[in-house]
Each structure stands twice: as C-alpha cells, then as structure tokens.
Amino acid sequence: MVQSTFNVYFEKLIKQLPALRYPLTNPPTPKELECLGFKLTKANIEFRKRYMEFSWGYRMVKEPSNPEICEMFTNFLRNGPAEIIDKT
C-alpha cells in the first residue's frame, strides 16, 4: 500500500519535470562514414520523462580525408559478399 502510494506521487513528479538537454562535443567520425559522404556533428543527450535519447546530426562531406581507406572500403562493399560465398 505504501509502495503504490509512493509510486503514484513519484509518477506525478516525473510528469512535471521538463525535458533536459545536454549538448556534447562533436564525436569522432569513422573514416568509412566520410566515404559515404557525411560526417557526424551536434551530439545531444536528452532526458525525457521515462527515457534517455542520444542523437547526432550530420553534415555533408565533399572530399573524404583519407581516399585510400575509401578505396578499400568501397571494394569490400562491392566484393565482400562474393568472397564470403566463394569461401563457403
């Protein structure tokens, strides 16, 4: 009985709290994502009523910072499934 009463009041308290937002520094972007044409920016953590939400923005990249990695990555994406099938 005491626990259920506490839970009711605790739920009312949580509903009245505003959502909190904490901006973070930009996360390091893997070089493979730059090959696909975007880079991570604007990392945020938002505390909502019953959950926590992570989110990231992105910006477009015209030139990847390391073209050699992009070459290996795109070759793996093209030929990787065929090589796996050949090995099995």
Protein backbone atom coordinates (compact mmCIF):
# COMPACT_ATOMS: atom_id res chain seq x y z
CA MET A 1 0.00 0.00 0.00
CA VAL A 2 2.77 2.42 0.93
CA GLN A 3 4.74 1.47 -2.17
CA SER A 4 1.81 2.05 -4.53
CA THR A 5 1.11 5.45 -2.93
CA PHE A 6 4.78 6.35 -3.34
CA ASN A 7 4.69 5.23 -6.98
CA VAL A 8 1.65 7.43 -7.74
CA TYR A 9 3.31 10.53 -6.29
CA PHE A 10 6.61 9.70 -7.96
CA GLU A 11 4.86 9.39 -11.36
CA LYS A 12 3.21 12.81 -10.86
CA LEU A 13 6.59 14.32 -10.00
CA ILE A 14 8.25 12.85 -13.10
CA LYS A 15 5.48 14.17 -15.37
CA GLN A 16 6.04 17.71 -14.10
CA LEU A 17 9.80 17.74 -14.77
CA PRO A 18 10.81 19.44 -18.03
CA ALA A 19 12.96 17.61 -20.58
CA LEU A 20 16.66 18.33 -20.11
CA ARG A 21 19.11 18.71 -22.98
CA TYR A 22 22.90 18.47 -22.79
CA PRO A 23 24.87 19.34 -25.95
CA LEU A 24 28.13 17.43 -26.33
CA THR A 25 31.25 17.94 -28.40
CA ASN A 26 31.30 16.50 -31.89
CA PRO A 27 32.03 12.77 -31.82
CA PRO A 28 34.94 11.40 -33.84
CA THR A 29 33.65 10.30 -37.24
CA PRO A 30 34.85 6.95 -38.60
CA LYS A 31 36.68 7.34 -41.91
CA GLU A 32 34.23 4.91 -43.55
CA LEU A 33 31.33 7.31 -42.91
CA GLU A 34 33.23 10.06 -44.69
CA CYS A 35 33.44 7.71 -47.70
CA LEU A 36 29.64 7.59 -47.73
CA GLY A 37 29.52 11.39 -47.84
CA PHE A 38 28.71 12.61 -44.34
CA LYS A 39 30.32 13.44 -41.01
CA LEU A 40 28.79 13.31 -37.51
CA THR A 41 28.07 16.62 -35.72
CA LYS A 42 25.90 18.05 -32.96
CA ALA A 43 25.76 15.20 -30.45
CA ASN A 44 22.97 15.58 -27.86
CA ILE A 45 21.62 13.69 -24.87
CA GLU A 46 18.01 14.39 -23.94
CA PHE A 47 16.41 13.19 -20.73
CA ARG A 48 12.71 12.82 -21.30
CA LYS A 49 10.04 11.70 -18.86
CA ARG A 50 10.87 8.00 -18.85
CA TYR A 51 13.84 7.54 -21.15
CA MET A 52 17.12 8.98 -22.33
CA GLU A 53 17.70 9.76 -26.02
CA PHE A 54 21.02 10.06 -27.84
CA SER A 55 21.04 11.90 -31.14
CA TRP A 56 23.60 13.06 -33.67
CA GLY A 57 23.36 15.43 -36.57
CA TYR A 58 25.44 15.22 -39.70
CA ARG A 59 26.91 17.39 -42.40
CA MET A 60 27.77 16.55 -45.97
CA VAL A 61 31.41 15.90 -46.92
CA LYS A 62 32.59 16.59 -50.48
CA GLU A 63 36.09 15.11 -50.17
CA PRO A 64 36.97 12.31 -47.72
CA SER A 65 40.03 12.91 -45.58
CA ASN A 66 41.64 9.57 -46.49
CA PRO A 67 40.93 8.36 -50.07
CA GLU A 68 42.94 5.13 -49.61
CA ILE A 69 40.59 3.92 -46.87
CA CYS A 70 37.62 4.84 -49.08
CA GLU A 71 39.03 2.72 -51.90
CA MET A 72 39.43 -0.31 -49.62
CA PHE A 73 36.00 0.25 -48.04
CA THR A 74 34.12 0.51 -51.35
CA ASN A 75 35.96 -2.54 -52.74
CA PHE A 76 34.95 -4.52 -49.67
CA LEU A 77 31.33 -3.42 -50.04
CA ARG A 78 31.33 -4.47 -53.71
CA ASN A 79 33.28 -7.72 -53.45
CA GLY A 80 32.85 -8.80 -49.83
CA PRO A 81 29.66 -10.88 -50.23
CA ALA A 82 31.03 -12.70 -53.29
CA GLU A 83 34.28 -13.54 -51.48
CA ILE A 84 32.37 -14.90 -48.48
CA ILE A 85 30.22 -17.10 -50.73
CA ASP A 86 33.33 -18.37 -52.56
CA LYS A 87 34.97 -19.32 -49.25
CA THR A 88 31.98 -21.36 -48.07
